[in-house]
Amino acid sequence: MAEPGSSAAAVVPLLLLGFLSVSSVNAGDVCVSDPLLSAPLNVTIREIEVNSAMVTWEILEGDPVIGFAITQQKKDVRMLRFIQEVNTTTRSCALWDLDEDTEYIVHVQSISMGGSSPPSEPVLFRTPKESEKMASKSPDEVTMEEVGQAAQLRAGELIIIVVVLIMWAGVIVLFCRQYDIIKDNEPNNNKDKAKNSSECSTPEHPQGGLLRSNV
C-alpha cells in the first residue's frame, strides 16, 4: 500500500522543471490537491475574440503559488482542454484555437509545491460570430495590423518620393554642367566667327596689292 505522501512527493520533481503543458483530458480527471491552498479569485474573461480570449485571476496574499492550471471546456461536452504552467507568477493566460459562436466554461486552479488548489468558480463565456465581430467594428476603429500596413505604405511612398527627388537633382546638376560648358565655349566660337568674317571681307590681290576700281 502506498504511503499518503508518496503522490505529493511524485509531483515535486515535475513542478521543479518549469513548463507550460496543454492536453485534452476527461472532465472527471483531477490533480493532487493541496488543502492549504485557496482557489483563485475574481476569475474574468477579457478580450473575447472569434477564436481567442484572455482569462485573468487573483490569488490570496501569502499563498505559496508557483503556477496555475486551467480547464477549458465546451458547454455540454465532457472533453476539455487542460493548460498548466509552473515556475511562473503570471495571473493571466491566453485561450486560443476557440470555435466561433460557442459557449465555454473555464476553471482556474493555483499550483503549489504540495499540489493544486480547489477549482475556482466556473466562468461561462461565448465567442462571437465572425460576422458579428465585423459588424460591431466601427469604421473609425483601427487594428494594430492595419496600423502596421499603413506605416509600411507610407514608408514605401516616402522611399519613392526620395528616389524621384534624387533623380531630378541629378538631372538638374547634369544640365547645369552642360550649360556651363556651352557658356565657356561661346567666347572662343565668337572669336573664330569674327576672324573668319574679317578674312572674307578683305581678299588679297594675287600680286600683294588691294583691288581698286577705276572710276
C-alpha atoms as a PDB file:
ATOM      1  CA  MET A   1       0.000   0.000   0.000  1.00  0.00           C
ATOM      2  CA  ALA A   2       1.418   3.393  -0.989  1.00  0.00           C
ATOM      3  CA  GLU A   3       2.189   5.918   1.727  1.00  0.00           C
ATOM      4  CA  PRO A   4      -0.104   9.004   1.916  1.00  0.00           C
ATOM      5  CA  GLY A   5       2.697  11.421   0.975  1.00  0.00           C
ATOM      6  CA  SER A   6       4.017   9.414  -1.962  1.00  0.00           C
ATOM      7  CA  SER A   7       1.670  11.032  -4.541  1.00  0.00           C
ATOM      8  CA  ALA A   8       2.574  14.560  -3.467  1.00  0.00           C
ATOM      9  CA  ALA A   9       6.278  13.671  -3.476  1.00  0.00           C
ATOM     10  CA  ALA A  10       5.974  12.421  -7.058  1.00  0.00           C
ATOM     11  CA  VAL A  11       4.588  15.801  -8.162  1.00  0.00           C
ATOM     12  CA  VAL A  12       7.508  17.831  -6.757  1.00  0.00           C
ATOM     13  CA  PRO A  13      10.174  16.874  -9.386  1.00  0.00           C
ATOM     14  CA  LEU A  14       7.655  17.640 -12.133  1.00  0.00           C
ATOM     15  CA  LEU A  15       6.939  21.113 -10.770  1.00  0.00           C
ATOM     16  CA  LEU A  16      10.639  21.944 -10.491  1.00  0.00           C
ATOM     17  CA  LEU A  17      11.109  21.639 -14.247  1.00  0.00           C
ATOM     18  CA  GLY A  18       9.025  24.702 -15.124  1.00  0.00           C
ATOM     19  CA  PHE A  19       6.965  24.302 -18.273  1.00  0.00           C
ATOM     20  CA  LEU A  20       3.679  25.026 -19.991  1.00  0.00           C
ATOM     21  CA  SER A  21       1.681  21.951 -20.892  1.00  0.00           C
ATOM     22  CA  VAL A  22      -1.559  21.673 -22.827  1.00  0.00           C
ATOM     23  CA  SER A  23      -3.560  18.470 -23.102  1.00  0.00           C
ATOM     24  CA  SER A  24      -7.081  17.159 -23.554  1.00  0.00           C
ATOM     25  CA  VAL A  25      -8.452  15.136 -20.627  1.00  0.00           C
ATOM     26  CA  ASN A  26     -11.742  13.856 -19.336  1.00  0.00           C
ATOM     27  CA  ALA A  27     -13.724  16.174 -17.107  1.00  0.00           C
ATOM     28  CA  GLY A  28     -13.563  13.622 -14.294  1.00  0.00           C
ATOM     29  CA  ASP A  29      -9.747  13.612 -14.070  1.00  0.00           C
ATOM     30  CA  VAL A  30      -8.311  15.529 -11.100  1.00  0.00           C
ATOM     31  CA  CYS A  31      -4.877  16.543  -9.859  1.00  0.00           C
ATOM     32  CA  VAL A  32      -3.340  16.106  -6.432  1.00  0.00           C
ATOM     33  CA  SER A  33      -4.919  18.751  -4.206  1.00  0.00           C
ATOM     34  CA  ASP A  34      -3.279  20.962  -1.591  1.00  0.00           C
ATOM     35  CA  PRO A  35      -5.803  21.592   1.233  1.00  0.00           C
ATOM     36  CA  LEU A  36      -3.879  24.662   2.413  1.00  0.00           C
ATOM     37  CA  LEU A  37      -4.124  26.430  -0.950  1.00  0.00           C
ATOM     38  CA  SER A  38      -7.087  28.705  -1.726  1.00  0.00           C
ATOM     39  CA  ALA A  39      -8.906  28.740  -5.034  1.00  0.00           C
ATOM     40  CA  PRO A  40      -8.167  31.714  -7.354  1.00  0.00           C
ATOM     41  CA  LEU A  41     -10.474  34.712  -7.014  1.00  0.00           C
ATOM     42  CA  ASN A  42     -12.096  37.169  -9.444  1.00  0.00           C
ATOM     43  CA  VAL A  43     -11.663  34.966 -12.487  1.00  0.00           C
ATOM     44  CA  THR A  44     -12.525  37.132 -15.508  1.00  0.00           C
ATOM     45  CA  ILE A  45     -12.645  36.580 -19.252  1.00  0.00           C
ATOM     46  CA  ARG A  46     -11.355  39.530 -21.279  1.00  0.00           C
ATOM     47  CA  GLU A  47     -10.558  40.366 -24.900  1.00  0.00           C
ATOM     48  CA  ILE A  48     -13.038  37.857 -26.277  1.00  0.00           C
ATOM     49  CA  GLU A  49     -12.449  37.341 -29.995  1.00  0.00           C
ATOM     50  CA  VAL A  50     -13.825  34.882 -32.526  1.00  0.00           C
ATOM     51  CA  ASN A  51     -11.049  32.339 -31.913  1.00  0.00           C
ATOM     52  CA  SER A  52      -9.348  33.545 -28.726  1.00  0.00           C
ATOM     53  CA  ALA A  53      -9.845  35.082 -25.293  1.00  0.00           C
ATOM     54  CA  MET A  54      -7.856  36.073 -22.201  1.00  0.00           C
ATOM     55  CA  VAL A  55      -8.548  34.761 -18.687  1.00  0.00           C
ATOM     56  CA  THR A  56      -7.267  36.660 -15.627  1.00  0.00           C
ATOM     57  CA  TRP A  57      -7.498  35.939 -11.895  1.00  0.00           C
ATOM     58  CA  GLU A  58      -6.194  36.885  -8.455  1.00  0.00           C
ATOM     59  CA  ILE A  59      -4.828  34.867  -5.540  1.00  0.00           C
ATOM     60  CA  LEU A  60      -4.849  35.340  -1.771  1.00  0.00           C
ATOM     61  CA  GLU A  61      -1.792  37.122  -0.430  1.00  0.00           C
ATOM     62  CA  GLY A  62       0.605  34.684   1.190  1.00  0.00           C
ATOM     63  CA  ASP A  63      -0.407  31.605  -0.800  1.00  0.00           C
ATOM     64  CA  PRO A  64       2.758  29.718  -1.918  1.00  0.00           C
ATOM     65  CA  VAL A  65       1.695  29.672  -5.565  1.00  0.00           C
ATOM     66  CA  ILE A  66       4.259  28.570  -8.169  1.00  0.00           C
ATOM     67  CA  GLY A  67       1.951  28.105 -11.160  1.00  0.00           C
ATOM     68  CA  PHE A  68      -1.575  27.638 -12.411  1.00  0.00           C
ATOM     69  CA  ALA A  69      -3.830  25.134 -14.133  1.00  0.00           C
ATOM     70  CA  ILE A  70      -6.786  25.998 -16.357  1.00  0.00           C
ATOM     71  CA  THR A  71      -9.551  23.756 -17.600  1.00  0.00           C
ATOM     72  CA  GLN A  72     -11.343  24.956 -20.711  1.00  0.00           C
ATOM     73  CA  GLN A  73     -14.470  23.032 -21.657  1.00  0.00           C
ATOM     74  CA  LYS A  74     -17.180  23.453 -24.236  1.00  0.00           C
ATOM     75  CA  LYS A  75     -20.593  23.589 -22.666  1.00  0.00           C
ATOM     76  CA  ASP A  76     -22.373  20.215 -22.693  1.00  0.00           C
ATOM     77  CA  VAL A  77     -19.170  18.467 -23.849  1.00  0.00           C
ATOM     78  CA  ARG A  78     -17.308  16.144 -21.491  1.00  0.00           C
ATOM     79  CA  MET A  79     -13.863  16.502 -23.053  1.00  0.00           C
ATOM     80  CA  LEU A  80     -11.884  19.560 -22.019  1.00  0.00           C
ATOM     81  CA  ARG A  81      -8.519  21.247 -22.583  1.00  0.00           C
ATOM     82  CA  PHE A  82      -6.098  21.313 -19.666  1.00  0.00           C
ATOM     83  CA  ILE A  83      -3.468  24.069 -19.571  1.00  0.00           C
ATOM     84  CA  GLN A  84      -0.771  24.049 -16.871  1.00  0.00           C
ATOM     85  CA  GLU A  85       2.261  26.236 -16.253  1.00  0.00           C
ATOM     86  CA  VAL A  86       4.647  26.181 -13.296  1.00  0.00           C
ATOM     87  CA  ASN A  87       7.527  28.350 -12.061  1.00  0.00           C
ATOM     88  CA  THR A  88       5.621  31.495 -13.038  1.00  0.00           C
ATOM     89  CA  THR A  89       3.988  34.404 -11.235  1.00  0.00           C
ATOM     90  CA  THR A  90       1.658  35.372 -14.082  1.00  0.00           C
ATOM     91  CA  ARG A  91      -2.025  35.816 -13.315  1.00  0.00           C
ATOM     92  CA  SER A  92      -3.355  35.587 -16.860  1.00  0.00           C
ATOM     93  CA  CYS A  93      -3.434  33.113 -19.710  1.00  0.00           C
ATOM     94  CA  ALA A  94      -4.488  33.245 -23.368  1.00  0.00           C
ATOM     95  CA  LEU A  95      -7.105  30.810 -24.601  1.00  0.00           C
ATOM     96  CA  TRP A  96      -6.638  30.055 -28.288  1.00  0.00           C
ATOM     97  CA  ASP A  97      -7.997  27.884 -31.078  1.00  0.00           C
ATOM     98  CA  LEU A  98     -11.573  28.509 -29.952  1.00  0.00           C
ATOM     99  CA  ASP A  99     -14.619  27.911 -32.134  1.00  0.00           C
ATOM    100  CA  GLU A 100     -16.783  30.843 -33.108  1.00  0.00           C
ATOM    101  CA  ASP A 101     -20.263  31.204 -31.631  1.00  0.00           C
ATOM    102  CA  THR A 102     -19.505  28.620 -28.934  1.00  0.00           C
ATOM    103  CA  GLU A 103     -20.022  28.630 -25.159  1.00  0.00           C
ATOM    104  CA  TYR A 104     -17.058  27.706 -22.954  1.00  0.00           C
ATOM    105  CA  ILE A 105     -16.691  27.024 -19.234  1.00  0.00           C
ATOM    106  CA  VAL A 106     -13.376  27.903 -17.569  1.00  0.00           C
ATOM    107  CA  HIS A 107     -11.966  26.924 -14.152  1.00  0.00           C
ATOM    108  CA  VAL A 108      -8.641  28.118 -12.726  1.00  0.00           C
ATOM    109  CA  GLN A 109      -6.537  26.371 -10.069  1.00  0.00           C
ATOM    110  CA  SER A 110      -3.402  27.552  -8.286  1.00  0.00           C
ATOM    111  CA  ILE A 111      -0.432  25.193  -8.030  1.00  0.00           C
ATOM    112  CA  SER A 112       1.993  24.919  -5.099  1.00  0.00           C
ATOM    113  CA  MET A 113       4.780  22.507  -4.227  1.00  0.00           C
ATOM    114  CA  GLY A 114       2.179  20.389  -2.416  1.00  0.00           C
ATOM    115  CA  GLY A 115      -0.332  20.137  -5.242  1.00  0.00           C
ATOM    116  CA  SER A 116      -3.189  22.216  -6.630  1.00  0.00           C
ATOM    117  CA  SER A 117      -5.941  24.310  -5.086  1.00  0.00           C
ATOM    118  CA  PRO A 118      -9.649  23.656  -5.434  1.00  0.00           C
ATOM    119  CA  PRO A 119     -11.006  24.926  -8.758  1.00  0.00           C
ATOM    120  CA  SER A 120     -12.334  28.449  -8.942  1.00  0.00           C
ATOM    121  CA  GLU A 121     -15.964  29.262  -9.531  1.00  0.00           C
ATOM    122  CA  PRO A 122     -16.841  28.380 -13.146  1.00  0.00           C
ATOM    123  CA  VAL A 123     -16.893  31.222 -15.638  1.00  0.00           C
ATOM    124  CA  LEU A 124     -19.091  30.936 -18.708  1.00  0.00           C
ATOM    125  CA  PHE A 125     -18.491  32.939 -21.873  1.00  0.00           C
ATOM    126  CA  ARG A 126     -19.417  32.758 -25.551  1.00  0.00           C
ATOM    127  CA  THR A 127     -17.248  33.548 -28.548  1.00  0.00           C
ATOM    128  CA  PRO A 128     -18.876  35.819 -31.170  1.00  0.00           C
ATOM    129  CA  LYS A 129     -19.559  35.000 -34.786  1.00  0.00           C
ATOM    130  CA  GLU A 130     -17.175  36.330 -37.394  1.00  0.00           C
ATOM    131  CA  SER A 131     -19.998  38.330 -38.972  1.00  0.00           C
ATOM    132  CA  GLU A 132     -21.000  39.807 -35.600  1.00  0.00           C
ATOM    133  CA  LYS A 133     -17.412  40.826 -34.881  1.00  0.00           C
ATOM    134  CA  MET A 134     -17.058  42.555 -38.235  1.00  0.00           C
ATOM    135  CA  ALA A 135     -20.418  44.304 -37.813  1.00  0.00           C
ATOM    136  CA  SER A 136     -19.542  45.551 -34.329  1.00  0.00           C
ATOM    137  CA  LYS A 137     -16.291  47.063 -35.555  1.00  0.00           C
ATOM    138  CA  SER A 138     -16.775  50.782 -36.115  1.00  0.00           C
ATOM    139  CA  PRO A 139     -15.443  52.391 -39.319  1.00  0.00           C
ATOM    140  CA  ASP A 140     -13.029  54.500 -37.294  1.00  0.00           C
ATOM    141  CA  GLU A 141     -11.612  51.532 -35.368  1.00  0.00           C
ATOM    142  CA  VAL A 142      -8.125  50.637 -36.493  1.00  0.00           C
ATOM    143  CA  THR A 143      -6.327  47.440 -35.514  1.00  0.00           C
ATOM    144  CA  MET A 144      -2.599  47.166 -34.906  1.00  0.00           C
ATOM    145  CA  GLU A 145      -2.251  45.133 -38.107  1.00  0.00           C
ATOM    146  CA  GLU A 146      -3.902  47.889 -40.131  1.00  0.00           C
ATOM    147  CA  VAL A 147      -1.661  50.474 -38.468  1.00  0.00           C
ATOM    148  CA  GLY A 148       1.383  48.425 -39.413  1.00  0.00           C
ATOM    149  CA  GLN A 149       0.214  48.091 -43.014  1.00  0.00           C
ATOM    150  CA  ALA A 150      -0.452  51.835 -43.236  1.00  0.00           C
ATOM    151  CA  ALA A 151       3.016  52.554 -41.839  1.00  0.00           C
ATOM    152  CA  GLN A 152       4.590  50.259 -44.437  1.00  0.00           C
ATOM    153  CA  LEU A 153       2.680  52.000 -47.226  1.00  0.00           C
ATOM    154  CA  ARG A 154       3.779  55.421 -46.009  1.00  0.00           C
ATOM    155  CA  ALA A 155       7.377  54.232 -45.794  1.00  0.00           C
ATOM    156  CA  GLY A 156       7.191  52.908 -49.375  1.00  0.00           C
ATOM    157  CA  GLU A 157       5.713  56.175 -50.613  1.00  0.00           C
ATOM    158  CA  LEU A 158       8.462  58.175 -48.887  1.00  0.00           C
ATOM    159  CA  ILE A 159      11.144  55.983 -50.456  1.00  0.00           C
ATOM    160  CA  ILE A 160       9.656  56.507 -53.924  1.00  0.00           C
ATOM    161  CA  ILE A 161       9.470  60.278 -53.382  1.00  0.00           C
ATOM    162  CA  VAL A 162      13.096  60.421 -52.191  1.00  0.00           C
ATOM    163  CA  VAL A 163      14.293  58.392 -55.200  1.00  0.00           C
ATOM    164  CA  VAL A 164      12.401  60.674 -57.623  1.00  0.00           C
ATOM    165  CA  LEU A 165      13.847  63.785 -55.980  1.00  0.00           C
ATOM    166  CA  ILE A 166      17.370  62.373 -56.214  1.00  0.00           C
ATOM    167  CA  MET A 167      16.870  61.595 -59.904  1.00  0.00           C
ATOM    168  CA  TRP A 168      15.575  65.118 -60.559  1.00  0.00           C
ATOM    169  CA  ALA A 169      18.511  66.589 -58.654  1.00  0.00           C
ATOM    170  CA  GLY A 170      20.909  64.539 -60.797  1.00  0.00           C
ATOM    171  CA  VAL A 171      19.220  65.749 -63.992  1.00  0.00           C
ATOM    172  CA  ILE A 172      19.422  69.385 -62.836  1.00  0.00           C
ATOM    173  CA  VAL A 173      23.121  69.035 -61.914  1.00  0.00           C
ATOM    174  CA  LEU A 174      23.902  67.452 -65.291  1.00  0.00           C
ATOM    175  CA  PHE A 175      22.034  70.210 -67.115  1.00  0.00           C
ATOM    176  CA  CYS A 176      23.921  72.919 -65.208  1.00  0.00           C
ATOM    177  CA  ARG A 177      27.271  71.328 -66.031  1.00  0.00           C
ATOM    178  CA  GLN A 178      26.404  71.102 -69.715  1.00  0.00           C
ATOM    179  CA  TYR A 179      25.187  74.709 -69.678  1.00  0.00           C
ATOM    180  CA  ASP A 180      28.459  75.902 -68.105  1.00  0.00           C
ATOM    181  CA  ILE A 181      30.476  74.031 -70.721  1.00  0.00           C
ATOM    182  CA  ILE A 182      28.434  75.584 -73.554  1.00  0.00           C
ATOM    183  CA  LYS A 183      28.726  79.038 -71.998  1.00  0.00           C
ATOM    184  CA  ASP A 184      32.510  78.727 -71.595  1.00  0.00           C
ATOM    185  CA  ASN A 185      32.880  77.767 -75.264  1.00  0.00           C
ATOM    186  CA  GLU A 186      30.842  80.744 -76.557  1.00  0.00           C
ATOM    187  CA  PRO A 187      33.740  83.359 -76.465  1.00  0.00           C
ATOM    188  CA  ASN A 188      36.002  81.061 -78.470  1.00  0.00           C
ATOM    189  CA  ASN A 189      33.271  80.468 -81.014  1.00  0.00           C
ATOM    190  CA  ASN A 190      32.664  84.226 -81.319  1.00  0.00           C
ATOM    191  CA  LYS A 191      36.384  84.876 -81.871  1.00  0.00           C
ATOM    192  CA  ASP A 192      36.526  82.231 -84.576  1.00  0.00           C
ATOM    193  CA  LYS A 193      33.461  83.667 -86.249  1.00  0.00           C
ATOM    194  CA  ALA A 194      34.905  87.224 -86.182  1.00  0.00           C
ATOM    195  CA  LYS A 195      38.228  86.048 -87.604  1.00  0.00           C
ATOM    196  CA  ASN A 196      36.567  84.171 -90.427  1.00  0.00           C
ATOM    197  CA  SER A 197      34.372  87.180 -91.216  1.00  0.00           C
ATOM    198  CA  SER A 198      37.355  89.590 -91.469  1.00  0.00           C
ATOM    199  CA  GLU A 199      39.253  87.256 -93.741  1.00  0.00           C
ATOM    200  CA  CYS A 200      36.319  87.010 -96.096  1.00  0.00           C
ATOM    201  CA  SER A 201      35.693  90.803 -96.253  1.00  0.00           C
ATOM    202  CA  THR A 202      39.346  91.822 -97.273  1.00  0.00           C
ATOM    203  CA  PRO A 203      40.543  89.468-100.015  1.00  0.00           C
ATOM    204  CA  GLU A 204      44.188  89.864-101.028  1.00  0.00           C
ATOM    205  CA  HIS A 205      45.366  90.658-104.631  1.00  0.00           C
ATOM    206  CA  PRO A 206      47.346  87.861-106.215  1.00  0.00           C
ATOM    207  CA  GLN A 207      50.341  90.290-106.546  1.00  0.00           C
ATOM    208  CA  GLY A 208      50.058  91.520-102.992  1.00  0.00           C
ATOM    209  CA  GLY A 209      48.011  94.745-103.532  1.00  0.00           C
ATOM    210  CA  LEU A 210      44.398  95.518-102.860  1.00  0.00           C
ATOM    211  CA  LEU A 211      41.983  95.568-105.698  1.00  0.00           C
ATOM    212  CA  ARG A 212      40.843  99.049-106.629  1.00  0.00           C
ATOM    213  CA  SER A 213      38.262 100.036-109.106  1.00  0.00           C
ATOM    214  CA  ASN A 214      38.912 102.752-111.728  1.00  0.00           C
ATOM    215  CA  VAL A 215      36.246 105.401-111.813  1.00  0.00           C
END
